[in-house]
Amino acid sequence: NTQIRVRSQTATYEIIGVADSFGAYWARAPIPTIYLSQNQYPSNGGVAIVRLATGSSTAGTMAFARDLLKAMPVRPIVSPATTLQAEWQATAARPRARMLGMLLLGTIGLLLGVQGVYALAASIIGSRRKDLAIRSALGAPRALLIWLVLRQLTIALVFGCGAGILVVLVVQRLAPPVGRGAFSADGR
């Protein structure tokens, strides 16, 4: 005969069983939960979670659950039925929208970067057109001409990426942490 006291309440409750941990979709770790019998502890609030049998319909199961709930000592107020997955998706809407927004901004940044590299390559080739034409006329191999352009482009890209990484590291150290909870479990 084991009993438990809930928080600062004076009443004690008899433990009649132990259920498996409930992790749900949104919890990374199991949530400690105590289920109190409505016969022993009637209240005006609470949530009933109904597990659907494989292949059963939500409407049929909810009708069955409503009939069961009507037999309880406290008259339940039954709200519209929904699934845990639908509730989880509703709470995940904000993080999902943020993720899609960041994906869109990242894609735009990548496309702008590719366009910038193309513009840099076109500028290098345009500024060295006469030089490359003279080298080609004197019999320079095609691979050497390509290397002359790619070497200059590679040097510019390495310095540009290095400067970008340096700026990110400096800003990361100086700026306050923003958005760390963007994908928190509560969806805020």
C-alpha atoms as a PDB file:
ATOM      1  CA  ASN A   1       0.000   0.000   0.000  1.00  0.00           C
ATOM      2  CA  THR A   2       2.006   2.994  -1.328  1.00  0.00           C
ATOM      3  CA  GLN A   3       0.722   6.548  -1.178  1.00  0.00           C
ATOM      4  CA  ILE A   4       1.802   9.836  -2.733  1.00  0.00           C
ATOM      5  CA  ARG A   5       1.214  13.480  -1.868  1.00  0.00           C
ATOM      6  CA  VAL A   6       0.918  15.901  -4.806  1.00  0.00           C
ATOM      7  CA  ARG A   7       2.896  19.128  -4.343  1.00  0.00           C
ATOM      8  CA  SER A   8       1.729  21.051  -1.273  1.00  0.00           C
ATOM      9  CA  GLN A   9      -1.698  19.403  -1.002  1.00  0.00           C
ATOM     10  CA  THR A  10      -2.584  17.794   2.303  1.00  0.00           C
ATOM     11  CA  ALA A  11      -4.452  14.859   0.756  1.00  0.00           C
ATOM     12  CA  THR A  12      -2.604  11.669  -0.093  1.00  0.00           C
ATOM     13  CA  TYR A  13      -3.486   9.345  -2.939  1.00  0.00           C
ATOM     14  CA  GLU A  14      -3.083   5.608  -3.213  1.00  0.00           C
ATOM     15  CA  ILE A  15      -0.856   4.425  -6.064  1.00  0.00           C
ATOM     16  CA  ILE A  16      -2.738   1.748  -7.959  1.00  0.00           C
ATOM     17  CA  GLY A  17      -0.369   1.346 -10.904  1.00  0.00           C
ATOM     18  CA  VAL A  18       2.594   2.699 -12.798  1.00  0.00           C
ATOM     19  CA  ALA A  19       2.342   3.472 -16.522  1.00  0.00           C
ATOM     20  CA  ASP A  20       5.137   3.695 -19.069  1.00  0.00           C
ATOM     21  CA  SER A  21       6.817   7.052 -19.707  1.00  0.00           C
ATOM     22  CA  PHE A  22       4.989   9.366 -22.095  1.00  0.00           C
ATOM     23  CA  GLY A  23       7.427  11.209 -24.359  1.00  0.00           C
ATOM     24  CA  ALA A  24       4.980  12.422 -27.029  1.00  0.00           C
ATOM     25  CA  TYR A  25       6.013  14.152 -30.218  1.00  0.00           C
ATOM     26  CA  TRP A  26       7.236  17.406 -28.713  1.00  0.00           C
ATOM     27  CA  ALA A  27       9.139  16.174 -25.649  1.00  0.00           C
ATOM     28  CA  ARG A  28      12.770  15.173 -25.873  1.00  0.00           C
ATOM     29  CA  ALA A  29      12.627  13.470 -22.482  1.00  0.00           C
ATOM     30  CA  PRO A  30       9.725  11.702 -20.778  1.00  0.00           C
ATOM     31  CA  ILE A  31       7.397  14.041 -18.893  1.00  0.00           C
ATOM     32  CA  PRO A  32       6.675  13.053 -15.263  1.00  0.00           C
ATOM     33  CA  THR A  33       2.883  12.743 -15.113  1.00  0.00           C
ATOM     34  CA  ILE A  34       0.475  11.703 -12.377  1.00  0.00           C
ATOM     35  CA  TYR A  35      -2.966  10.477 -13.383  1.00  0.00           C
ATOM     36  CA  LEU A  36      -5.610  10.942 -10.703  1.00  0.00           C
ATOM     37  CA  SER A  37      -8.803   8.928 -10.759  1.00  0.00           C
ATOM     38  CA  GLN A  38     -11.882  11.070 -11.346  1.00  0.00           C
ATOM     39  CA  ASN A  39     -13.747   8.863  -8.832  1.00  0.00           C
ATOM     40  CA  GLN A  40     -11.272   9.734  -6.076  1.00  0.00           C
ATOM     41  CA  TYR A  41     -10.460  13.282  -7.142  1.00  0.00           C
ATOM     42  CA  PRO A  42     -13.259  14.865  -9.183  1.00  0.00           C
ATOM     43  CA  SER A  43     -12.301  18.157 -10.777  1.00  0.00           C
ATOM     44  CA  ASN A  44     -13.647  20.607 -13.300  1.00  0.00           C
ATOM     45  CA  GLY A  45     -10.692  20.327 -15.652  1.00  0.00           C
ATOM     46  CA  GLY A  46      -8.544  17.762 -17.312  1.00  0.00           C
ATOM     47  CA  VAL A  47      -7.654  16.197 -20.596  1.00  0.00           C
ATOM     48  CA  ALA A  48      -8.499  12.719 -21.768  1.00  0.00           C
ATOM     49  CA  ILE A  49      -6.135  11.178 -24.285  1.00  0.00           C
ATOM     50  CA  VAL A  50      -7.716   8.387 -26.320  1.00  0.00           C
ATOM     51  CA  ARG A  51      -5.548   5.992 -28.260  1.00  0.00           C
ATOM     52  CA  LEU A  52      -7.037   4.852 -31.545  1.00  0.00           C
ATOM     53  CA  ALA A  53      -6.927   1.178 -32.390  1.00  0.00           C
ATOM     54  CA  THR A  54      -5.212   0.389 -35.677  1.00  0.00           C
ATOM     55  CA  GLY A  55      -7.655   0.854 -38.528  1.00  0.00           C
ATOM     56  CA  SER A  56     -10.343   2.566 -36.432  1.00  0.00           C
ATOM     57  CA  SER A  57     -11.916   5.884 -37.351  1.00  0.00           C
ATOM     58  CA  THR A  58     -11.516   9.027 -35.286  1.00  0.00           C
ATOM     59  CA  ALA A  59     -15.258   9.753 -35.381  1.00  0.00           C
ATOM     60  CA  GLY A  60     -16.226   6.261 -34.173  1.00  0.00           C
ATOM     61  CA  THR A  61     -13.644   6.280 -31.415  1.00  0.00           C
ATOM     62  CA  MET A  62     -14.716   9.759 -30.267  1.00  0.00           C
ATOM     63  CA  ALA A  63     -18.365   8.672 -30.126  1.00  0.00           C
ATOM     64  CA  PHE A  64     -17.321   5.704 -27.981  1.00  0.00           C
ATOM     65  CA  ALA A  65     -15.187   7.970 -25.761  1.00  0.00           C
ATOM     66  CA  ARG A  66     -18.065  10.437 -25.313  1.00  0.00           C
ATOM     67  CA  ASP A  67     -20.312   7.576 -24.145  1.00  0.00           C
ATOM     68  CA  LEU A  68     -17.651   6.481 -21.644  1.00  0.00           C
ATOM     69  CA  LEU A  69     -17.120  10.036 -20.386  1.00  0.00           C
ATOM     70  CA  LYS A  70     -20.850  10.489 -19.772  1.00  0.00           C
ATOM     71  CA  ALA A  71     -20.667   7.738 -17.136  1.00  0.00           C
ATOM     72  CA  MET A  72     -18.159   9.694 -15.040  1.00  0.00           C
ATOM     73  CA  PRO A  73     -19.190  11.270 -11.721  1.00  0.00           C
ATOM     74  CA  VAL A  74     -18.285  14.744 -12.993  1.00  0.00           C
ATOM     75  CA  ARG A  75     -20.160  15.889 -16.083  1.00  0.00           C
ATOM     76  CA  PRO A  76     -17.462  16.401 -18.741  1.00  0.00           C
ATOM     77  CA  ILE A  77     -17.422  19.181 -21.297  1.00  0.00           C
ATOM     78  CA  VAL A  78     -16.276  17.555 -24.519  1.00  0.00           C
ATOM     79  CA  SER A  79     -14.515  19.842 -26.951  1.00  0.00           C
ATOM     80  CA  PRO A  80     -13.960  19.022 -30.617  1.00  0.00           C
ATOM     81  CA  ALA A  81     -11.701  16.018 -31.068  1.00  0.00           C
ATOM     82  CA  THR A  82      -8.273  16.328 -32.549  1.00  0.00           C
ATOM     83  CA  THR A  83      -5.228  14.119 -32.864  1.00  0.00           C
ATOM     84  CA  LEU A  84      -1.918  14.581 -31.039  1.00  0.00           C
ATOM     85  CA  GLN A  85      -0.239  14.935 -34.410  1.00  0.00           C
ATOM     86  CA  ALA A  86      -2.600  17.788 -35.381  1.00  0.00           C
ATOM     87  CA  GLU A  87      -1.960  19.505 -32.035  1.00  0.00           C
ATOM     88  CA  TRP A  88       1.780  19.045 -32.445  1.00  0.00           C
ATOM     89  CA  GLN A  89       1.667  20.452 -35.971  1.00  0.00           C
ATOM     90  CA  ALA A  90      -0.265  23.470 -34.697  1.00  0.00           C
ATOM     91  CA  THR A  91       2.446  24.175 -32.099  1.00  0.00           C
ATOM     92  CA  ALA A  92       5.205  23.512 -34.667  1.00  0.00           C
ATOM     93  CA  ALA A  93       3.801  26.036 -37.163  1.00  0.00           C
ATOM     94  CA  ARG A  94       5.966  28.923 -35.943  1.00  0.00           C
ATOM     95  CA  PRO A  95       9.255  27.008 -35.865  1.00  0.00           C
ATOM     96  CA  ARG A  96       8.437  25.491 -39.256  1.00  0.00           C
ATOM     97  CA  ALA A  97       7.702  28.948 -40.700  1.00  0.00           C
ATOM     98  CA  ARG A  98      10.974  30.244 -39.257  1.00  0.00           C
ATOM     99  CA  MET A  99      12.841  27.296 -40.704  1.00  0.00           C
ATOM    100  CA  LEU A 100      11.301  27.837 -44.147  1.00  0.00           C
ATOM    101  CA  GLY A 101      12.096  31.554 -43.942  1.00  0.00           C
ATOM    102  CA  MET A 102      15.714  30.813 -43.052  1.00  0.00           C
ATOM    103  CA  LEU A 103      15.881  28.248 -45.867  1.00  0.00           C
ATOM    104  CA  LEU A 104      14.547  30.862 -48.301  1.00  0.00           C
ATOM    105  CA  LEU A 105      17.060  33.469 -47.091  1.00  0.00           C
ATOM    106  CA  GLY A 106      19.882  30.920 -47.273  1.00  0.00           C
ATOM    107  CA  THR A 107      18.900  29.964 -50.824  1.00  0.00           C
ATOM    108  CA  ILE A 108      18.778  33.627 -51.856  1.00  0.00           C
ATOM    109  CA  GLY A 109      22.207  34.146 -50.261  1.00  0.00           C
ATOM    110  CA  LEU A 110      23.615  31.120 -52.096  1.00  0.00           C
ATOM    111  CA  LEU A 111      22.204  32.299 -55.428  1.00  0.00           C
ATOM    112  CA  LEU A 112      23.602  35.795 -54.862  1.00  0.00           C
ATOM    113  CA  GLY A 113      26.972  34.259 -54.006  1.00  0.00           C
ATOM    114  CA  VAL A 114      26.977  32.176 -57.190  1.00  0.00           C
ATOM    115  CA  GLN A 115      25.984  35.251 -59.213  1.00  0.00           C
ATOM    116  CA  GLY A 116      28.799  37.195 -57.537  1.00  0.00           C
ATOM    117  CA  VAL A 117      31.376  34.531 -58.425  1.00  0.00           C
ATOM    118  CA  TYR A 118      30.116  34.522 -62.009  1.00  0.00           C
ATOM    119  CA  ALA A 119      30.366  38.326 -62.145  1.00  0.00           C
ATOM    120  CA  LEU A 120      33.883  38.193 -60.711  1.00  0.00           C
ATOM    121  CA  ALA A 121      34.942  35.589 -63.284  1.00  0.00           C
ATOM    122  CA  ALA A 122      33.421  37.658 -66.106  1.00  0.00           C
ATOM    123  CA  SER A 123      35.214  40.764 -64.812  1.00  0.00           C
ATOM    124  CA  ILE A 124      38.562  38.963 -64.626  1.00  0.00           C
ATOM    125  CA  ILE A 125      38.167  37.562 -68.127  1.00  0.00           C
ATOM    126  CA  GLY A 126      36.996  40.937 -69.471  1.00  0.00           C
ATOM    127  CA  SER A 127      39.926  42.821 -67.947  1.00  0.00           C
ATOM    128  CA  ARG A 128      42.467  40.272 -69.192  1.00  0.00           C
ATOM    129  CA  ARG A 129      40.911  39.672 -72.600  1.00  0.00           C
ATOM    130  CA  LYS A 130      43.770  41.218 -74.561  1.00  0.00           C
ATOM    131  CA  ASP A 131      46.376  39.454 -72.424  1.00  0.00           C
ATOM    132  CA  LEU A 132      44.640  36.087 -72.862  1.00  0.00           C
ATOM    133  CA  ALA A 133      44.230  36.655 -76.625  1.00  0.00           C
ATOM    134  CA  ILE A 134      47.954  37.431 -77.017  1.00  0.00           C
ATOM    135  CA  ARG A 135      48.932  34.355 -74.980  1.00  0.00           C
ATOM    136  CA  SER A 136      46.548  32.212 -77.043  1.00  0.00           C
ATOM    137  CA  ALA A 137      47.968  33.605 -80.314  1.00  0.00           C
ATOM    138  CA  LEU A 138      51.497  32.800 -79.129  1.00  0.00           C
ATOM    139  CA  GLY A 139      50.452  29.154 -78.605  1.00  0.00           C
ATOM    140  CA  ALA A 140      49.700  28.985 -74.876  1.00  0.00           C
ATOM    141  CA  PRO A 141      47.854  25.774 -74.021  1.00  0.00           C
ATOM    142  CA  ARG A 142      44.156  26.133 -73.159  1.00  0.00           C
ATOM    143  CA  ALA A 143      44.713  24.642 -69.683  1.00  0.00           C
ATOM    144  CA  LEU A 144      47.234  27.398 -68.887  1.00  0.00           C
ATOM    145  CA  LEU A 145      44.774  30.111 -69.964  1.00  0.00           C
ATOM    146  CA  ILE A 146      42.052  28.568 -67.802  1.00  0.00           C
ATOM    147  CA  TRP A 147      44.472  28.325 -64.867  1.00  0.00           C
ATOM    148  CA  LEU A 148      45.400  32.009 -65.186  1.00  0.00           C
ATOM    149  CA  VAL A 149      41.755  32.976 -64.755  1.00  0.00           C
ATOM    150  CA  LEU A 150      40.960  30.344 -62.096  1.00  0.00           C
ATOM    151  CA  ARG A 151      44.029  31.235 -60.017  1.00  0.00           C
ATOM    152  CA  GLN A 152      42.947  34.854 -59.743  1.00  0.00           C
ATOM    153  CA  LEU A 153      39.342  33.790 -59.061  1.00  0.00           C
ATOM    154  CA  THR A 154      40.440  31.283 -56.403  1.00  0.00           C
ATOM    155  CA  ILE A 155      42.581  33.869 -54.613  1.00  0.00           C
ATOM    156  CA  ALA A 156      39.635  36.286 -54.548  1.00  0.00           C
ATOM    157  CA  LEU A 157      37.278  33.568 -53.264  1.00  0.00           C
ATOM    158  CA  VAL A 158      39.662  32.437 -50.522  1.00  0.00           C
ATOM    159  CA  PHE A 159      40.188  35.991 -49.269  1.00  0.00           C
ATOM    160  CA  GLY A 160      36.437  36.718 -49.507  1.00  0.00           C
ATOM    161  CA  CYS A 161      35.462  33.569 -47.603  1.00  0.00           C
ATOM    162  CA  GLY A 162      38.169  34.188 -45.001  1.00  0.00           C
ATOM    163  CA  ALA A 163      36.974  37.749 -44.458  1.00  0.00           C
ATOM    164  CA  GLY A 164      33.364  36.529 -44.199  1.00  0.00           C
ATOM    165  CA  ILE A 165      34.253  33.883 -41.619  1.00  0.00           C
ATOM    166  CA  LEU A 166      36.269  36.420 -39.636  1.00  0.00           C
ATOM    167  CA  VAL A 167      33.331  38.879 -39.614  1.00  0.00           C
ATOM    168  CA  VAL A 168      30.937  36.118 -38.489  1.00  0.00           C
ATOM    169  CA  LEU A 169      33.260  35.131 -35.622  1.00  0.00           C
ATOM    170  CA  VAL A 170      33.663  38.747 -34.475  1.00  0.00           C
ATOM    171  CA  VAL A 171      29.913  39.448 -34.659  1.00  0.00           C
ATOM    172  CA  GLN A 172      29.156  36.186 -32.860  1.00  0.00           C
ATOM    173  CA  ARG A 173      31.377  37.213 -29.945  1.00  0.00           C
ATOM    174  CA  LEU A 174      30.112  40.811 -29.772  1.00  0.00           C
ATOM    175  CA  ALA A 175      26.383  40.335 -30.413  1.00  0.00           C
ATOM    176  CA  PRO A 176      24.031  39.104 -27.687  1.00  0.00           C
ATOM    177  CA  PRO A 177      22.601  35.610 -28.258  1.00  0.00           C
ATOM    178  CA  VAL A 178      19.425  36.024 -30.308  1.00  0.00           C
ATOM    179  CA  GLY A 179      17.071  33.291 -31.465  1.00  0.00           C
ATOM    180  CA  ARG A 180      18.517  30.448 -29.418  1.00  0.00           C
ATOM    181  CA  GLY A 181      14.980  29.355 -28.485  1.00  0.00           C
ATOM    182  CA  ALA A 182      13.619  29.657 -32.016  1.00  0.00           C
ATOM    183  CA  PHE A 183      12.864  25.951 -32.142  1.00  0.00           C
ATOM    184  CA  SER A 184      11.823  25.385 -28.566  1.00  0.00           C
ATOM    185  CA  ALA A 185       9.302  22.749 -27.621  1.00  0.00           C
ATOM    186  CA  ASP A 186       6.567  25.260 -26.839  1.00  0.00           C
ATOM    187  CA  GLY A 187       6.677  26.729 -30.349  1.00  0.00           C
ATOM    188  CA  ARG A 188       7.390  30.325 -29.301  1.00  0.00           C
END
